C-alpha atoms as a PDB file:
ATOM      1  CA  MET A   1     125.058 104.982 125.540  1.00  0.00           C
ATOM      2  CA  ALA A   2     123.412 101.383 125.471  1.00  0.00           C
ATOM      3  CA  ASN A   3     125.003  98.886 127.975  1.00  0.00           C
ATOM      4  CA  VAL A   4     124.496  95.833 125.842  1.00  0.00           C
ATOM      5  CA  GLN A   5     125.285  92.690 127.885  1.00  0.00           C
ATOM      6  CA  LEU A   6     125.065  89.167 126.865  1.00  0.00           C
ATOM      7  CA  GLU A   7     123.678  88.132 130.423  1.00  0.00           C
ATOM      8  CA  ASN A   8     120.343  90.612 129.148  1.00  0.00           C
ATOM      9  CA  GLY A   9     119.700  88.027 126.476  1.00  0.00           C
ATOM     10  CA  TYR A  10     120.916  86.535 123.185  1.00  0.00           C
ATOM     11  CA  THR A  11     120.026  84.872 120.279  1.00  0.00           C
ATOM     12  CA  ARG A  12     122.230  81.850 118.705  1.00  0.00           C
ATOM     13  CA  ILE A  13     122.415  81.416 115.235  1.00  0.00           C
ATOM     14  CA  ALA A  14     125.125  79.581 113.428  1.00  0.00           C
ATOM     15  CA  ASN A  15     127.604  81.856 111.631  1.00  0.00           C
ATOM     16  CA  GLU A  16     127.200  80.045 108.265  1.00  0.00           C
ATOM     17  CA  ILE A  17     123.654  81.375 108.336  1.00  0.00           C
ATOM     18  CA  LEU A  18     124.815  84.960 108.862  1.00  0.00           C
ATOM     19  CA  ASP A  19     127.437  84.220 106.339  1.00  0.00           C
ATOM     20  CA  ALA A  20     124.544  83.571 103.715  1.00  0.00           C
ATOM     21  CA  LEU A  21     122.504  86.382 104.635  1.00  0.00           C
ATOM     22  CA  ALA A  22     125.493  88.805 103.987  1.00  0.00           C
ATOM     23  CA  LYS A  23     125.019  87.617 100.290  1.00  0.00           C
ATOM     24  CA  THR A  24     121.412  87.762  99.734  1.00  0.00           C
ATOM     25  CA  ASN A  25     119.983  90.644  98.545  1.00  0.00           C
ATOM     26  CA  ILE A  26     117.223  91.886 101.164  1.00  0.00           C
ATOM     27  CA  GLY A  27     115.411  94.999 101.306  1.00  0.00           C
ATOM     28  CA  GLY A  28     115.308  97.521 104.119  1.00  0.00           C
ATOM     29  CA  TYR A  29     111.904  96.750 105.192  1.00  0.00           C
ATOM     30  CA  ASP A  30     112.098  92.944 104.566  1.00  0.00           C
ATOM     31  CA  MET A  31     115.362  92.287 106.503  1.00  0.00           C
ATOM     32  CA  ARG A  32     113.709  94.357 109.447  1.00  0.00           C
ATOM     33  CA  VAL A  33     110.513  91.839 109.289  1.00  0.00           C
ATOM     34  CA  LEU A  34     112.987  88.525 108.901  1.00  0.00           C
ATOM     35  CA  LEU A  35     115.142  89.822 112.060  1.00  0.00           C
ATOM     36  CA  VAL A  36     111.815  89.816 113.953  1.00  0.00           C
ATOM     37  CA  VAL A  37     111.060  86.211 112.980  1.00  0.00           C
ATOM     38  CA  VAL A  38     114.629  85.047 113.777  1.00  0.00           C
ATOM     39  CA  ARG A  39     114.337  87.107 117.144  1.00  0.00           C
ATOM     40  CA  GLN A  40     111.303  85.726 117.842  1.00  0.00           C
ATOM     41  CA  THR A  41     112.153  81.812 116.815  1.00  0.00           C
ATOM     42  CA  TYR A  42     115.809  81.565 117.541  1.00  0.00           C
ATOM     43  CA  GLY A  43     115.836  83.923 120.492  1.00  0.00           C
ATOM     44  CA  TYR A  44     113.680  81.585 122.568  1.00  0.00           C
ATOM     45  CA  ASN A  45     115.158  78.395 121.215  1.00  0.00           C
ATOM     46  CA  GLN A  46     112.315  77.791 118.918  1.00  0.00           C
ATOM     47  CA  ASN A  47     111.544  76.574 115.420  1.00  0.00           C
ATOM     48  CA  PHE A  48     108.518  78.303 115.036  1.00  0.00           C
ATOM     49  CA  CYS A  49     106.810  81.365 116.908  1.00  0.00           C
ATOM     50  CA  ASN A  50     103.423  82.817 116.956  1.00  0.00           C
ATOM     51  CA  ILE A  51     104.078  86.629 115.730  1.00  0.00           C
ATOM     52  CA  PRO A  52     100.880  88.659 115.796  1.00  0.00           C
ATOM     53  CA  LEU A  53     101.038  91.466 112.575  1.00  0.00           C
ATOM     54  CA  GLY A  54     100.801  94.143 115.720  1.00  0.00           C
ATOM     55  CA  LYS A  55     104.170  92.649 117.280  1.00  0.00           C
ATOM     56  CA  PHE A  56     105.837  92.806 113.712  1.00  0.00           C
ATOM     57  CA  ALA A  57     104.808  96.742 113.521  1.00  0.00           C
ATOM     58  CA  LEU A  58     105.805  97.348 117.367  1.00  0.00           C
ATOM     59  CA  MET A  59     109.153  95.713 117.013  1.00  0.00           C
ATOM     60  CA  THR A  60     109.792  96.912 113.415  1.00  0.00           C
ATOM     61  CA  GLY A  61     108.368 100.632 113.598  1.00  0.00           C
ATOM     62  CA  LEU A  62     106.499  99.761 110.442  1.00  0.00           C
ATOM     63  CA  ARG A  63     103.004 100.176 109.274  1.00  0.00           C
ATOM     64  CA  LYS A  64     101.026  97.089 109.438  1.00  0.00           C
ATOM     65  CA  ALA A  65     100.517  96.962 105.363  1.00  0.00           C
ATOM     66  CA  HIS A  66     104.208  97.114 105.204  1.00  0.00           C
ATOM     67  CA  VAL A  67     104.839  94.398 107.423  1.00  0.00           C
ATOM     68  CA  LEU A  68     102.388  92.542 104.897  1.00  0.00           C
ATOM     69  CA  ARG A  69     104.132  93.184 101.979  1.00  0.00           C
ATOM     70  CA  SER A  70     107.327  92.218 103.274  1.00  0.00           C
ATOM     71  CA  LEU A  71     105.965  88.779 104.666  1.00  0.00           C
ATOM     72  CA  LYS A  72     104.953  88.220 101.397  1.00  0.00           C
ATOM     73  CA  LYS A  73     108.628  88.926  99.654  1.00  0.00           C
ATOM     74  CA  LEU A  74     110.158  86.985 102.104  1.00  0.00           C
ATOM     75  CA  TYR A  75     107.865  83.881 101.436  1.00  0.00           C
ATOM     76  CA  GLU A  76     108.572  84.167  97.597  1.00  0.00           C
ATOM     77  CA  MET A  77     112.558  84.207  98.610  1.00  0.00           C
ATOM     78  CA  LYS A  78     111.606  81.235 100.825  1.00  0.00           C
ATOM     79  CA  LEU A  79     113.162  82.921 103.816  1.00  0.00           C
ATOM     80  CA  VAL A  80     110.240  82.575 105.932  1.00  0.00           C
ATOM     81  CA  THR A  81     107.718  80.159 105.998  1.00  0.00           C
ATOM     82  CA  LYS A  82     104.119  80.334 107.572  1.00  0.00           C
ATOM     83  CA  CYS A  83     103.051  77.353 109.620  1.00  0.00           C
ATOM     84  CA  GLY A  84      99.360  78.058 110.448  1.00  0.00           C
ATOM     85  CA  ASN A  85      97.289  80.659 111.630  1.00  0.00           C
ATOM     86  CA  GLY A  86      99.927  83.606 112.345  1.00  0.00           C
ATOM     87  CA  HIS A  87     102.829  81.007 113.328  1.00  0.00           C
ATOM     88  CA  TYR A  88     106.326  81.865 111.412  1.00  0.00           C
ATOM     89  CA  ARG A  89     109.292  79.894 111.003  1.00  0.00           C
ATOM     90  CA  PHE A  90     112.994  81.224 109.718  1.00  0.00           C
ATOM     91  CA  HIS A  91     113.614  78.969 106.656  1.00  0.00           C
ATOM     92  CA  LYS A  92     117.324  78.332 107.286  1.00  0.00           C
ATOM     93  CA  ASN A  93     118.358  75.983 104.570  1.00  0.00           C
ATOM     94  CA  TYR A  94     119.938  79.061 102.417  1.00  0.00           C
ATOM     95  CA  ASP A  95     120.540  76.491  99.330  1.00  0.00           C
ATOM     96  CA  GLU A  96     116.861  76.929  98.780  1.00  0.00           C
ATOM     97  CA  TRP A  97     116.421  80.612  99.047  1.00  0.00           C
ATOM     98  CA  LEU A  98     115.615  82.307  95.862  1.00  0.00           C
ATOM     99  CA  HIS A  99     117.616  85.913  95.043  1.00  0.00           C
ATOM    100  CA  LEU A 100     115.154  88.249  93.719  1.00  0.00           C
ATOM    101  CA  THR A 101     116.245  90.661  91.520  1.00  0.00           C
ATOM    102  CA  LYS A 102     114.969  93.770  89.454  1.00  0.00           C
ATOM    103  CA  THR A 103     114.610  93.319  85.694  1.00  0.00           C
ATOM    104  CA  LYS A 104     116.744  95.066  83.505  1.00  0.00           C
ATOM    105  CA  LYS A 105     114.877  96.775  80.917  1.00  0.00           C
ATOM    106  CA  SER A 106     116.496  96.754  77.157  1.00  0.00           C
ATOM    107  CA  LEU A 107     116.700  99.879  75.447  1.00  0.00           C
ATOM    108  CA  PRO A 108     113.735 100.227  72.883  1.00  0.00           C
ATOM    109  CA  ASN A 109     114.436  99.633  69.121  1.00  0.00           C
ATOM    110  CA  MET A 110     114.492 102.660  66.900  1.00  0.00           C
ATOM    111  CA  VAL A 111     112.382 102.680  63.588  1.00  0.00           C
ATOM    112  CA  THR A 112     111.725 104.804  60.815  1.00  0.00           C
ATOM    113  CA  ASN A 113     107.974 106.741  60.887  1.00  0.00           C
ATOM    114  CA  GLY A 114     107.798 108.704  58.134  1.00  0.00           C
ATOM    115  CA  LYS A 115     110.282 111.518  58.256  1.00  0.00           C
ATOM    116  CA  LYS A 116     111.187 111.269  62.118  1.00  0.00           C
ATOM    117  CA  ARG A 117     112.697 108.410  64.133  1.00  0.00           C
ATOM    118  CA  VAL A 118     110.351 107.170  67.347  1.00  0.00           C
ATOM    119  CA  SER A 119     111.361 104.634  69.747  1.00  0.00           C
ATOM    120  CA  VAL A 120     108.479 102.145  70.272  1.00  0.00           C
ATOM    121  CA  THR A 121     107.920  99.483  72.788  1.00  0.00           C
ATOM    122  CA  LYS A 122     107.387  95.660  71.686  1.00  0.00           C
ATOM    123  CA  SER A 123     103.846  95.779  72.318  1.00  0.00           C
ATOM    124  CA  GLY A 124     104.178  98.677  69.796  1.00  0.00           C
ATOM    125  CA  ASN A 125     103.061 101.672  71.616  1.00  0.00           C
ATOM    126  CA  GLU A 126     105.394 105.043  70.835  1.00  0.00           C
ATOM    127  CA  ILE A 127     107.572 106.432  73.861  1.00  0.00           C
ATOM    128  CA  THR A 128     106.758 110.073  74.326  1.00  0.00           C
ATOM    129  CA  LYS A 129     109.832 112.595  74.356  1.00  0.00           C
ATOM    130  CA  SER A 130     109.977 112.459  78.196  1.00  0.00           C
ATOM    131  CA  GLY A 131     110.748 108.816  77.812  1.00  0.00           C
ATOM    132  CA  ASN A 132     107.910 107.404  78.985  1.00  0.00           C
ATOM    133  CA  GLY A 133     106.710 104.136  77.868  1.00  0.00           C
ATOM    134  CA  ALA A 134     103.578 101.737  78.585  1.00  0.00           C
ATOM    135  CA  LEU A 135     104.221  99.503  81.568  1.00  0.00           C
ATOM    136  CA  PRO A 136     102.205  96.177  82.055  1.00  0.00           C
ATOM    137  CA  ASN A 137      98.504  96.509  83.649  1.00  0.00           C
ATOM    138  CA  MET A 138      99.590  95.598  87.167  1.00  0.00           C
ATOM    139  CA  VAL A 139     102.675  96.178  89.049  1.00  0.00           C
ATOM    140  CA  THR A 140     104.871  93.221  89.622  1.00  0.00           C
ATOM    141  CA  SER A 141     107.981  93.057  92.253  1.00  0.00           C
ATOM    142  CA  THR A 142     110.067  93.074  89.660  1.00  0.00           C
ATOM    143  CA  VAL A 143     109.639  96.575  88.150  1.00  0.00           C
ATOM    144  CA  GLY A 144     110.541  99.308  90.409  1.00  0.00           C
ATOM    145  CA  LEU A 145     107.580 101.705  91.648  1.00  0.00           C
ATOM    146  CA  LYS A 146     109.664 104.685  90.599  1.00  0.00           C
ATOM    147  CA  ASP A 147     109.049 103.943  86.743  1.00  0.00           C
ATOM    148  CA  ILE A 148     105.347 104.198  86.728  1.00  0.00           C
ATOM    149  CA  THR A 149     103.921 107.287  85.770  1.00  0.00           C
ATOM    150  CA  HIS A 150     100.696 108.840  86.534  1.00  0.00           C
ATOM    151  CA  LYS A 151      99.386 107.767  82.678  1.00  0.00           C
ATOM    152  CA  ASP A 152     100.048 104.305  83.684  1.00  0.00           C
ATOM    153  CA  ILE A 153      98.281 104.326  87.088  1.00  0.00           C
ATOM    154  CA  ILE A 154      95.226 106.083  85.412  1.00  0.00           C
ATOM    155  CA  LYS A 155      95.386 103.318  82.701  1.00  0.00           C
ATOM    156  CA  ASP A 156      95.369 100.577  85.436  1.00  0.00           C
ATOM    157  CA  ILE A 157      92.279 102.181  86.871  1.00  0.00           C
ATOM    158  CA  THR A 158      90.446 102.263  83.370  1.00  0.00           C
ATOM    159  CA  HIS A 159      91.504  98.448  82.754  1.00  0.00           C
ATOM    160  CA  ILE A 160      89.814  97.323  85.926  1.00  0.00           C
ATOM    161  CA  ALA A 161      86.995  99.606  85.797  1.00  0.00           C
ATOM    162  CA  LYS A 162      86.304  98.290  81.977  1.00  0.00           C
ATOM    163  CA  GLY A 163      84.648 101.458  80.691  1.00  0.00           C
ATOM    164  CA  LYS A 164      82.795 102.820  84.005  1.00  0.00           C
ATOM    165  CA  GLU A 165      82.883 106.114  85.307  1.00  0.00           C
ATOM    166  CA  THR A 166      85.038 106.539  88.033  1.00  0.00           C
ATOM    167  CA  ALA A 167      84.524 109.355  90.549  1.00  0.00           C
ATOM    168  CA  PRO A 168      87.664 111.843  90.975  1.00  0.00           C
ATOM    169  CA  LEU A 169      87.948 110.939  94.616  1.00  0.00           C
ATOM    170  CA  GLN A 170      87.948 107.394  94.205  1.00  0.00           C
ATOM    171  CA  SER A 171      90.429 107.350  91.101  1.00  0.00           C
ATOM    172  CA  VAL A 172      92.831 109.813  93.589  1.00  0.00           C
ATOM    173  CA  VAL A 173      92.381 106.574  96.507  1.00  0.00           C
ATOM    174  CA  LEU A 174      92.925 103.992  93.346  1.00  0.00           C
ATOM    175  CA  ALA A 175      95.957 105.423  92.349  1.00  0.00           C
ATOM    176  CA  TYR A 176      97.550 105.453  95.552  1.00  0.00           C
ATOM    177  CA  LYS A 177      96.862 102.176  95.842  1.00  0.00           C
ATOM    178  CA  VAL A 178      98.374 101.201  92.509  1.00  0.00           C
ATOM    179  CA  ARG A 179     100.954 103.140  93.212  1.00  0.00           C
ATOM    180  CA  LYS A 180     101.727 101.462  96.651  1.00  0.00           C
ATOM    181  CA  GLY A 181     102.140  98.525  94.677  1.00  0.00           C
ATOM    182  CA  TYR A 182      98.718  96.744  95.443  1.00  0.00           C
ATOM    183  CA  GLU A 183      96.430  94.903  92.977  1.00  0.00           C
ATOM    184  CA  LEU A 184      93.211  97.202  92.087  1.00  0.00           C
ATOM    185  CA  GLU A 185      91.075  94.280  92.791  1.00  0.00           C
ATOM    186  CA  ASP A 186      92.501  93.654  96.636  1.00  0.00           C
ATOM    187  CA  LYS A 187      88.822  93.783  98.533  1.00  0.00           C
ATOM    188  CA  ALA A 188      90.825  93.599 101.584  1.00  0.00           C
ATOM    189  CA  TRP A 189      93.016  96.669 101.140  1.00  0.00           C
ATOM    190  CA  ASP A 190      89.894  98.543 100.172  1.00  0.00           C
ATOM    191  CA  LYS A 191      88.018  97.490 103.654  1.00  0.00           C
ATOM    192  CA  GLN A 192      90.871  98.453 105.731  1.00  0.00           C
ATOM    193  CA  TYR A 193      92.459 101.728 104.032  1.00  0.00           C
ATOM    194  CA  PHE A 194      89.876 103.298 101.330  1.00  0.00           C
ATOM    195  CA  LYS A 195      87.651 105.403 104.026  1.00  0.00           C
ATOM    196  CA  ARG A 196      91.077 106.461 105.776  1.00  0.00           C
ATOM    197  CA  PHE A 197      92.398 107.792 102.818  1.00  0.00           C
ATOM    198  CA  CYS A 198      89.560 109.704 101.412  1.00  0.00           C
ATOM    199  CA  GLY A 199      89.549 112.721 103.711  1.00  0.00           C
ATOM    200  CA  CYS A 200      93.271 113.046 102.265  1.00  0.00           C
ATOM    201  CA  GLY A 201      92.288 112.485  98.894  1.00  0.00           C
ATOM    202  CA  LYS A 202      89.393 115.044  99.321  1.00  0.00           C
ATOM    203  CA  ASN A 203      91.617 117.702 100.234  1.00  0.00           C
ATOM    204  CA  LEU A 204      94.278 116.865  97.558  1.00  0.00           C
ATOM    205  CA  ILE A 205      91.511 117.739  94.513  1.00  0.00           C
ATOM    206  CA  GLU A 206      90.497 120.544  96.258  1.00  0.00           C
ATOM    207  CA  TYR A 207      93.813 122.145  96.884  1.00  0.00           C
ATOM    208  CA  LEU A 208      95.044 121.359  93.234  1.00  0.00           C
ATOM    209  CA  GLY A 209      91.711 121.629  91.091  1.00  0.00           C
ATOM    210  CA  ASP A 210      91.203 118.443  89.743  1.00  0.00           C
ATOM    211  CA  SER A 211      92.410 114.959  90.255  1.00  0.00           C
ATOM    212  CA  THR A 212      94.540 114.768  87.454  1.00  0.00           C
ATOM    213  CA  SER A 213      96.936 117.331  88.845  1.00  0.00           C
ATOM    214  CA  ALA A 214      96.385 115.456  92.291  1.00  0.00           C
ATOM    215  CA  ILE A 215      97.429 111.989  90.874  1.00  0.00           C
ATOM    216  CA  ARG A 216     100.169 113.736  89.207  1.00  0.00           C
ATOM    217  CA  CYS A 217     101.580 115.378  92.537  1.00  0.00           C
ATOM    218  CA  MET A 218     101.386 112.087  94.307  1.00  0.00           C
ATOM    219  CA  ASN A 219     103.406 110.177  91.568  1.00  0.00           C
ATOM    220  CA  ASP A 220     106.149 113.245  91.299  1.00  0.00           C
ATOM    221  CA  THR A 221     106.419 113.335  94.850  1.00  0.00           C
ATOM    222  CA  ALA A 222     106.382 109.598  95.620  1.00  0.00           C
ATOM    223  CA  THR A 223     109.327 109.155  93.141  1.00  0.00           C
ATOM    224  CA  GLU A 224     111.058 111.853  94.361  1.00  0.00           C
ATOM    225  CA  MET A 225     111.011 110.470  98.269  1.00  0.00           C
ATOM    226  CA  GLU A 226     111.817 107.181  97.019  1.00  0.00           C
ATOM    227  CA  SER A 227     114.827 108.232  95.473  1.00  0.00           C
ATOM    228  CA  LYS A 228     116.102 109.235  98.866  1.00  0.00           C
ATOM    229  CA  GLY A 229     115.050 106.239 100.345  1.00  0.00           C
ATOM    230  CA  LEU A 230     111.978 108.017 102.211  1.00  0.00           C
ATOM    231  CA  GLU A 231     108.407 106.468 102.741  1.00  0.00           C
ATOM    232  CA  TRP A 232     105.246 108.352 101.779  1.00  0.00           C
ATOM    233  CA  THR A 233     101.476 108.013 102.624  1.00  0.00           C
ATOM    234  CA  LEU A 234      98.850 110.348 100.977  1.00  0.00           C
ATOM    235  CA  GLU A 235      98.922 112.355 104.148  1.00  0.00           C
ATOM    236  CA  THR A 236     102.740 112.941 103.353  1.00  0.00           C
ATOM    237  CA  ILE A 237     101.858 113.957  99.834  1.00  0.00           C
ATOM    238  CA  LEU A 238      99.229 116.732 101.179  1.00  0.00           C
ATOM    239  CA  LYS A 239     101.770 118.092 103.112  1.00  0.00           C
ATOM    240  CA  ARG A 240     104.030 118.681 100.055  1.00  0.00           C
ATOM    241  CA  ALA A 241     101.672 119.581  97.401  1.00  0.00           C
ATOM    242  CA  GLY A 242     102.224 123.409  97.946  1.00  0.00           C
ATOM    243  CA  GLU A 243     105.806 122.568  96.857  1.00  0.00           C
ATOM    244  CA  TRP A 244     104.816 120.597  94.240  1.00  0.00           C
ATOM    245  CA  LYS A 245     102.269 123.297  92.819  1.00  0.00           C
ATOM    246  CA  LEU A 246     105.045 125.847  92.829  1.00  0.00           C
ATOM    247  CA  LYS A 247     106.905 123.683  90.572  1.00  0.00           C
ATOM    248  CA  HIS A 248     104.174 122.357  88.148  1.00  0.00           C
ATOM    249  CA  LYS A 249     101.975 125.299  87.630  1.00  0.00           C
ATOM    250  CA  ASP A 250     100.313 125.263  84.453  1.00  0.00           C
ATOM    251  CA  LYS A 251     102.049 122.012  83.353  1.00  0.00           C
ATOM    252  CA  THR A 252      99.007 119.604  82.806  1.00  0.00           C
ATOM    253  CA  THR A 253      99.426 118.388  79.252  1.00  0.00           C
ATOM    254  CA  ASP A 254      96.420 118.089  77.063  1.00  0.00           C
ATOM    255  CA  ALA A 255      97.113 114.427  76.891  1.00  0.00           C
ATOM    256  CA  THR A 256      96.939 114.018  80.195  1.00  0.00           C
ATOM    257  CA  LYS A 257      93.402 115.825  80.048  1.00  0.00           C
ATOM    258  CA  LYS A 258      91.929 113.862  77.730  1.00  0.00           C
ATOM    259  CA  LEU A 259      93.071 110.540  79.728  1.00  0.00           C
ATOM    260  CA  MET A 260      91.598 112.135  82.739  1.00  0.00           C
ATOM    261  CA  ALA A 261      88.325 112.807  80.866  1.00  0.00           C
ATOM    262  CA  LYS A 262      87.444 109.103  81.293  1.00  0.00           C
ATOM    263  CA  PHE A 263      87.146 109.770  85.033  1.00  0.00           C
ATOM    264  CA  LYS A 264      83.884 111.609  85.832  1.00  0.00           C
ATOM    265  CA  GLY A 265      84.332 115.183  87.024  1.00  0.00           C
ATOM    266  CA  ALA A 266      88.002 115.225  86.152  1.00  0.00           C
END
């Protein structure tokens, strides 16, 4: 049983701030990172403090990539400001906080197309029977990642590649990058993580037979895990590939195969 005593240290924070935070919609990871900023500043009676990325990771138990993403969100919400290299400050003026919420999607209009009625998006793209419509080229913070389909991921990669052939392994790792919410042109991510995930990507392709199935497996499994509030990586997808294969055996559509034909060796 934890023996919590004020004598062991405490953080002074105004009740007014706690009341404001209670009314603010902050994601789980974002809140964990925010608490580190408050702990490292107010906990030491400082307005700002140097907090290395590794310190955030240690105190929250999060990967550094997740910490960076949460810090970016906290900057956007004006809950945290960065003061110089590695120095952070909790922005206590809650009247200036921005409450970021997910945008609500309106249902598509029904139009007549010959003898049948079909749903179309604002851009004119017909929605399939499964309800998968065209999404923007890049994932933004206002669109839930669970709404992405493997076709949207492939479309993003094709858009950036500008007609150039993409090797199956490269397409899988880039798909993972897109599915995690990073921009394809993020060179910093490539430098730090691309080689790391190549091994898992290669094993996933070899196990499932092609990059099409690998991307579908990744997206389906990620969506399922996120709906349960679970984190995932490409290593997690590889561990669950057997389960996915049993559920989706022989379900790759001709349309998906044609899309993946844009990538070399798909």
